Amino acid sequence: MQGTASDSDGSIVTTTILDKSTPIATLTGPGASTINKVVDLALGSHELKLQTTDSQGITIESNVVRVTVTPANAVPTAILTAPANPTVVQLQPGNTTVAVAVRGSTSDSDGSIVNAQILDNGTVLDTLTGTAAVTVNTSISLPVGSHQIKLRATDNQGATGDSSVASVTVTPANAAPTATLSRPLN
């Protein structure tokens, strides 16, 4: 809290910080006229004011400042149920990517889910909104290589929560065998 107290015909003896008439801190002596004090407040509504007493015993109260302390935003949860960890899939001949199913769910204990993102090695592949962000059931296309897939939930207050990672390895398509007949000659 910050504030000041002054007395034109004397000095300030005490300044008390009140919360709904309950003292929560008292300053005395020279420090009583300049208030710069951190106070801990519980969850809920508070009505804060200063009560100042001068050297002649006169007490006056400042204006009231209303403060509401709310709980911190809970981080949303994201649960990835597919693909399994680890997963190995092979490309089909002629394809450059393979479709991999992504399933999971998101939730937020103190708000709502704004979106769910599917990430591959930290890069966003897809962003889902609405009911699709709460119950995830989609697929992504992956090229040959190693992939770290996770689901990220974002809540209505901007907090994010990540699922565990599923390691997906996409292998090249099996090359067709070749056969060449070299004998008999015509």
C-alpha atoms as a PDB file:
ATOM      1  CA  MET A   1       0.000   0.000   0.000  1.00  0.00           C
ATOM      2  CA  GLN A   2       1.125   3.515  -0.654  1.00  0.00           C
ATOM      3  CA  GLY A   3      -0.134   6.741   0.826  1.00  0.00           C
ATOM      4  CA  THR A   4       0.776   9.841   2.775  1.00  0.00           C
ATOM      5  CA  ALA A   5      -0.342  11.483   5.996  1.00  0.00           C
ATOM      6  CA  SER A   6       0.439  15.049   7.058  1.00  0.00           C
ATOM      7  CA  ASP A   7      -0.390  17.520   9.826  1.00  0.00           C
ATOM      8  CA  SER A   8      -0.042  21.293   9.258  1.00  0.00           C
ATOM      9  CA  ASP A   9       0.213  22.156  12.977  1.00  0.00           C
ATOM     10  CA  GLY A  10       2.113  19.179  14.402  1.00  0.00           C
ATOM     11  CA  SER A  11       3.403  15.758  13.403  1.00  0.00           C
ATOM     12  CA  ILE A  12       1.995  12.344  12.582  1.00  0.00           C
ATOM     13  CA  VAL A  13       2.387   9.901  15.478  1.00  0.00           C
ATOM     14  CA  THR A  14       0.812   6.737  14.015  1.00  0.00           C
ATOM     15  CA  THR A  15      -0.759   5.546  10.819  1.00  0.00           C
ATOM     16  CA  THR A  16      -2.689   2.301  10.876  1.00  0.00           C
ATOM     17  CA  ILE A  17      -3.735   0.367   7.787  1.00  0.00           C
ATOM     18  CA  LEU A  18      -7.272  -0.918   8.284  1.00  0.00           C
ATOM     19  CA  ASP A  19      -9.221  -3.608   6.482  1.00  0.00           C
ATOM     20  CA  LYS A  20     -12.936  -3.097   7.286  1.00  0.00           C
ATOM     21  CA  SER A  21     -11.953  -1.422  10.570  1.00  0.00           C
ATOM     22  CA  THR A  22      -9.545  -4.240  11.524  1.00  0.00           C
ATOM     23  CA  PRO A  23      -5.916  -3.102  11.901  1.00  0.00           C
ATOM     24  CA  ILE A  24      -3.520  -5.035   9.666  1.00  0.00           C
ATOM     25  CA  ALA A  25      -0.375  -2.899  10.080  1.00  0.00           C
ATOM     26  CA  THR A  26       0.692   0.118  12.158  1.00  0.00           C
ATOM     27  CA  LEU A  27       3.462   2.588  11.408  1.00  0.00           C
ATOM     28  CA  THR A  28       4.852   4.875  14.127  1.00  0.00           C
ATOM     29  CA  GLY A  29       7.313   7.728  14.362  1.00  0.00           C
ATOM     30  CA  PRO A  30       8.855   9.472  11.344  1.00  0.00           C
ATOM     31  CA  GLY A  31       7.835   6.600   9.039  1.00  0.00           C
ATOM     32  CA  ALA A  32       4.163   7.104   9.832  1.00  0.00           C
ATOM     33  CA  SER A  33       3.685   9.940   7.339  1.00  0.00           C
ATOM     34  CA  THR A  34       4.915   8.151   4.203  1.00  0.00           C
ATOM     35  CA  ILE A  35       3.277   4.773   3.713  1.00  0.00           C
ATOM     36  CA  ASN A  36       4.904   2.219   1.435  1.00  0.00           C
ATOM     37  CA  LYS A  37       4.004  -1.136   2.938  1.00  0.00           C
ATOM     38  CA  VAL A  38       3.312  -4.591   1.539  1.00  0.00           C
ATOM     39  CA  VAL A  39       0.405  -6.309   3.254  1.00  0.00           C
ATOM     40  CA  ASP A  40      -0.833  -9.866   2.779  1.00  0.00           C
ATOM     41  CA  LEU A  41      -4.514 -10.156   1.977  1.00  0.00           C
ATOM     42  CA  ALA A  42      -6.591 -13.328   2.027  1.00  0.00           C
ATOM     43  CA  LEU A  43      -8.894 -14.326  -0.822  1.00  0.00           C
ATOM     44  CA  GLY A  44     -12.038 -12.235  -0.889  1.00  0.00           C
ATOM     45  CA  SER A  45     -13.183  -8.609  -0.683  1.00  0.00           C
ATOM     46  CA  HIS A  46     -11.282  -5.991   1.289  1.00  0.00           C
ATOM     47  CA  GLU A  47     -11.981  -2.342   2.171  1.00  0.00           C
ATOM     48  CA  LEU A  48      -8.643  -0.703   2.921  1.00  0.00           C
ATOM     49  CA  LYS A  49      -8.059   2.699   4.462  1.00  0.00           C
ATOM     50  CA  LEU A  50      -5.528   4.600   6.543  1.00  0.00           C
ATOM     51  CA  GLN A  51      -6.223   5.837  10.061  1.00  0.00           C
ATOM     52  CA  THR A  52      -3.812   8.604  11.091  1.00  0.00           C
ATOM     53  CA  THR A  53      -3.283  10.126  14.532  1.00  0.00           C
ATOM     54  CA  ASP A  54      -1.383  13.386  15.007  1.00  0.00           C
ATOM     55  CA  SER A  55       0.700  14.672  17.941  1.00  0.00           C
ATOM     56  CA  GLN A  56      -2.400  16.315  19.513  1.00  0.00           C
ATOM     57  CA  GLY A  57      -4.361  13.004  19.544  1.00  0.00           C
ATOM     58  CA  ILE A  58      -6.678  13.834  16.631  1.00  0.00           C
ATOM     59  CA  THR A  59      -7.477  10.812  14.440  1.00  0.00           C
ATOM     60  CA  ILE A  60      -8.762  10.899  10.871  1.00  0.00           C
ATOM     61  CA  GLU A  61      -9.407   8.207   8.264  1.00  0.00           C
ATOM     62  CA  SER A  62      -8.592   8.276   4.566  1.00  0.00           C
ATOM     63  CA  ASN A  63     -10.814   7.323   1.687  1.00  0.00           C
ATOM     64  CA  VAL A  64     -11.632   3.602   1.260  1.00  0.00           C
ATOM     65  CA  VAL A  65     -10.003   1.549  -1.485  1.00  0.00           C
ATOM     66  CA  ARG A  66     -11.852  -1.658  -2.373  1.00  0.00           C
ATOM     67  CA  VAL A  67      -9.749  -4.654  -3.402  1.00  0.00           C
ATOM     68  CA  THR A  68     -10.842  -8.160  -4.365  1.00  0.00           C
ATOM     69  CA  VAL A  69      -8.270 -10.948  -4.156  1.00  0.00           C
ATOM     70  CA  THR A  70      -9.100 -13.870  -6.439  1.00  0.00           C
ATOM     71  CA  PRO A  71      -7.413 -17.264  -6.682  1.00  0.00           C
ATOM     72  CA  ALA A  72      -4.665 -17.734  -9.233  1.00  0.00           C
ATOM     73  CA  ASN A  73      -5.713 -19.177 -12.572  1.00  0.00           C
ATOM     74  CA  ALA A  74      -5.406 -22.968 -12.640  1.00  0.00           C
ATOM     75  CA  VAL A  75      -3.412 -24.385 -15.548  1.00  0.00           C
ATOM     76  CA  PRO A  76      -5.565 -26.376 -17.977  1.00  0.00           C
ATOM     77  CA  THR A  77      -4.878 -30.059 -18.560  1.00  0.00           C
ATOM     78  CA  ALA A  78      -4.274 -31.863 -21.836  1.00  0.00           C
ATOM     79  CA  ILE A  79      -4.306 -35.650 -22.166  1.00  0.00           C
ATOM     80  CA  LEU A  80      -3.014 -37.321 -25.325  1.00  0.00           C
ATOM     81  CA  THR A  81      -4.431 -40.834 -25.798  1.00  0.00           C
ATOM     82  CA  ALA A  82      -3.305 -41.430 -29.394  1.00  0.00           C
ATOM     83  CA  PRO A  83      -0.859 -41.925 -30.942  1.00  0.00           C
ATOM     84  CA  ALA A  84       0.648 -44.429 -28.531  1.00  0.00           C
ATOM     85  CA  ASN A  85       4.160 -43.806 -27.280  1.00  0.00           C
ATOM     86  CA  PRO A  86       6.213 -45.016 -29.116  1.00  0.00           C
ATOM     87  CA  THR A  87       4.622 -45.492 -32.519  1.00  0.00           C
ATOM     88  CA  VAL A  88       6.339 -46.575 -35.742  1.00  0.00           C
ATOM     89  CA  VAL A  89       4.507 -46.205 -39.060  1.00  0.00           C
ATOM     90  CA  GLN A  90       5.652 -46.780 -42.618  1.00  0.00           C
ATOM     91  CA  LEU A  91       4.858 -44.710 -45.698  1.00  0.00           C
ATOM     92  CA  GLN A  92       2.915 -46.366 -48.469  1.00  0.00           C
ATOM     93  CA  PRO A  93       4.672 -46.507 -51.866  1.00  0.00           C
ATOM     94  CA  GLY A  94       4.164 -43.259 -53.763  1.00  0.00           C
ATOM     95  CA  ASN A  95       3.234 -41.208 -50.653  1.00  0.00           C
ATOM     96  CA  THR A  96       5.353 -38.510 -48.991  1.00  0.00           C
ATOM     97  CA  THR A  97       3.334 -38.386 -45.744  1.00  0.00           C
ATOM     98  CA  VAL A  98       1.284 -40.715 -43.590  1.00  0.00           C
ATOM     99  CA  ALA A  99      -1.882 -39.860 -41.652  1.00  0.00           C
ATOM    100  CA  VAL A 100      -1.536 -40.378 -37.892  1.00  0.00           C
ATOM    101  CA  ALA A 101      -4.598 -40.315 -35.631  1.00  0.00           C
ATOM    102  CA  VAL A 102      -4.498 -37.815 -32.753  1.00  0.00           C
ATOM    103  CA  ARG A 103      -6.942 -38.302 -29.907  1.00  0.00           C
ATOM    104  CA  GLY A 104      -7.191 -36.810 -26.466  1.00  0.00           C
ATOM    105  CA  SER A 105      -9.013 -34.400 -24.233  1.00  0.00           C
ATOM    106  CA  THR A 106      -8.554 -31.032 -22.532  1.00  0.00           C
ATOM    107  CA  SER A 107     -10.140 -29.469 -19.467  1.00  0.00           C
ATOM    108  CA  ASP A 108      -9.934 -26.416 -17.227  1.00  0.00           C
ATOM    109  CA  SER A 109     -11.052 -26.561 -13.593  1.00  0.00           C
ATOM    110  CA  ASP A 110     -11.693 -22.812 -13.231  1.00  0.00           C
ATOM    111  CA  GLY A 111     -12.708 -21.636 -16.678  1.00  0.00           C
ATOM    112  CA  SER A 112     -13.033 -22.880 -20.219  1.00  0.00           C
ATOM    113  CA  ILE A 113     -10.819 -24.160 -23.029  1.00  0.00           C
ATOM    114  CA  VAL A 114     -10.271 -21.653 -25.836  1.00  0.00           C
ATOM    115  CA  ASN A 115      -8.242 -23.922 -28.103  1.00  0.00           C
ATOM    116  CA  ALA A 116      -6.157 -27.067 -28.317  1.00  0.00           C
ATOM    117  CA  GLN A 117      -3.027 -27.246 -30.446  1.00  0.00           C
ATOM    118  CA  ILE A 118      -1.291 -30.297 -31.840  1.00  0.00           C
ATOM    119  CA  LEU A 119       2.474 -29.811 -31.847  1.00  0.00           C
ATOM    120  CA  ASP A 120       5.243 -31.716 -33.614  1.00  0.00           C
ATOM    121  CA  ASN A 121       8.716 -31.027 -32.206  1.00  0.00           C
ATOM    122  CA  GLY A 122       7.363 -27.712 -30.830  1.00  0.00           C
ATOM    123  CA  THR A 123       5.800 -26.568 -34.115  1.00  0.00           C
ATOM    124  CA  VAL A 124       2.014 -26.120 -34.235  1.00  0.00           C
ATOM    125  CA  LEU A 125       0.493 -28.443 -36.825  1.00  0.00           C
ATOM    126  CA  ASP A 126      -3.166 -27.761 -36.082  1.00  0.00           C
ATOM    127  CA  THR A 127      -5.308 -25.540 -33.832  1.00  0.00           C
ATOM    128  CA  LEU A 128      -8.730 -26.765 -32.758  1.00  0.00           C
ATOM    129  CA  THR A 129     -11.487 -24.599 -31.263  1.00  0.00           C
ATOM    130  CA  GLY A 130     -14.948 -25.154 -29.808  1.00  0.00           C
ATOM    131  CA  THR A 131     -15.951 -28.692 -28.883  1.00  0.00           C
ATOM    132  CA  ALA A 132     -13.139 -30.076 -31.070  1.00  0.00           C
ATOM    133  CA  ALA A 133     -10.693 -28.463 -28.619  1.00  0.00           C
ATOM    134  CA  VAL A 134     -12.197 -30.324 -25.654  1.00  0.00           C
ATOM    135  CA  THR A 135     -12.530 -33.761 -27.237  1.00  0.00           C
ATOM    136  CA  VAL A 136      -9.728 -34.142 -29.760  1.00  0.00           C
ATOM    137  CA  ASN A 137     -10.273 -36.663 -32.566  1.00  0.00           C
ATOM    138  CA  THR A 138      -8.401 -35.761 -35.726  1.00  0.00           C
ATOM    139  CA  SER A 139      -5.383 -36.795 -37.797  1.00  0.00           C
ATOM    140  CA  ILE A 140      -2.156 -35.153 -38.878  1.00  0.00           C
ATOM    141  CA  SER A 141       0.106 -35.821 -41.865  1.00  0.00           C
ATOM    142  CA  LEU A 142       3.710 -36.643 -41.031  1.00  0.00           C
ATOM    143  CA  PRO A 143       6.720 -37.097 -43.355  1.00  0.00           C
ATOM    144  CA  VAL A 144       9.585 -39.562 -42.861  1.00  0.00           C
ATOM    145  CA  GLY A 145      11.493 -38.854 -39.651  1.00  0.00           C
ATOM    146  CA  SER A 146      11.229 -38.658 -35.875  1.00  0.00           C
ATOM    147  CA  HIS A 147       8.327 -36.708 -34.416  1.00  0.00           C
ATOM    148  CA  GLN A 148       7.474 -35.642 -30.858  1.00  0.00           C
ATOM    149  CA  ILE A 149       3.701 -35.140 -30.771  1.00  0.00           C
ATOM    150  CA  LYS A 150       1.906 -33.402 -27.900  1.00  0.00           C
ATOM    151  CA  LEU A 151      -1.383 -31.679 -27.211  1.00  0.00           C
ATOM    152  CA  ARG A 152      -1.479 -28.150 -25.721  1.00  0.00           C
ATOM    153  CA  ALA A 153      -4.613 -26.679 -24.095  1.00  0.00           C
ATOM    154  CA  THR A 154      -5.160 -22.907 -23.724  1.00  0.00           C
ATOM    155  CA  ASP A 155      -7.755 -21.605 -21.269  1.00  0.00           C
ATOM    156  CA  ASN A 156      -9.879 -18.447 -21.277  1.00  0.00           C
ATOM    157  CA  GLN A 157      -7.278 -16.625 -19.152  1.00  0.00           C
ATOM    158  CA  GLY A 158      -4.335 -17.466 -21.449  1.00  0.00           C
ATOM    159  CA  ALA A 159      -2.741 -20.241 -19.386  1.00  0.00           C
ATOM    160  CA  THR A 160      -1.469 -23.303 -21.235  1.00  0.00           C
ATOM    161  CA  GLY A 161      -0.988 -26.928 -20.249  1.00  0.00           C
ATOM    162  CA  ASP A 162       0.788 -29.632 -22.250  1.00  0.00           C
ATOM    163  CA  SER A 163       0.152 -33.352 -22.469  1.00  0.00           C
ATOM    164  CA  SER A 164       2.865 -35.943 -22.291  1.00  0.00           C
ATOM    165  CA  VAL A 165       4.787 -36.500 -25.524  1.00  0.00           C
ATOM    166  CA  ALA A 166       4.230 -39.378 -27.951  1.00  0.00           C
ATOM    167  CA  SER A 167       7.259 -40.328 -30.017  1.00  0.00           C
ATOM    168  CA  VAL A 168       6.290 -41.203 -33.603  1.00  0.00           C
ATOM    169  CA  THR A 169       8.784 -42.538 -36.152  1.00  0.00           C
ATOM    170  CA  VAL A 170       7.769 -42.514 -39.809  1.00  0.00           C
ATOM    171  CA  THR A 171       9.876 -44.865 -41.956  1.00  0.00           C
ATOM    172  CA  PRO A 172      10.256 -44.780 -45.759  1.00  0.00           C
ATOM    173  CA  ALA A 173       8.033 -46.942 -47.932  1.00  0.00           C
ATOM    174  CA  ASN A 174       9.285 -50.434 -48.607  1.00  0.00           C
ATOM    175  CA  ALA A 175      10.970 -50.367 -52.003  1.00  0.00           C
ATOM    176  CA  ALA A 176       9.586 -52.878 -54.466  1.00  0.00           C
ATOM    177  CA  PRO A 177      12.038 -55.609 -55.367  1.00  0.00           C
ATOM    178  CA  THR A 178      13.519 -55.681 -58.849  1.00  0.00           C
ATOM    179  CA  ALA A 179      14.148 -58.642 -61.113  1.00  0.00           C
ATOM    180  CA  THR A 180      16.139 -58.715 -64.343  1.00  0.00           C
ATOM    181  CA  LEU A 181      16.466 -61.702 -66.611  1.00  0.00           C
ATOM    182  CA  SER A 182      19.839 -61.775 -68.290  1.00  0.00           C
ATOM    183  CA  ARG A 183      19.861 -65.235 -69.981  1.00  0.00           C
ATOM    184  CA  PRO A 184      18.933 -66.821 -72.382  1.00  0.00           C
ATOM    185  CA  LEU A 185      19.748 -64.411 -75.145  1.00  0.00           C
ATOM    186  CA  ASN A 186      17.659 -64.361 -78.330  1.00  0.00           C
END
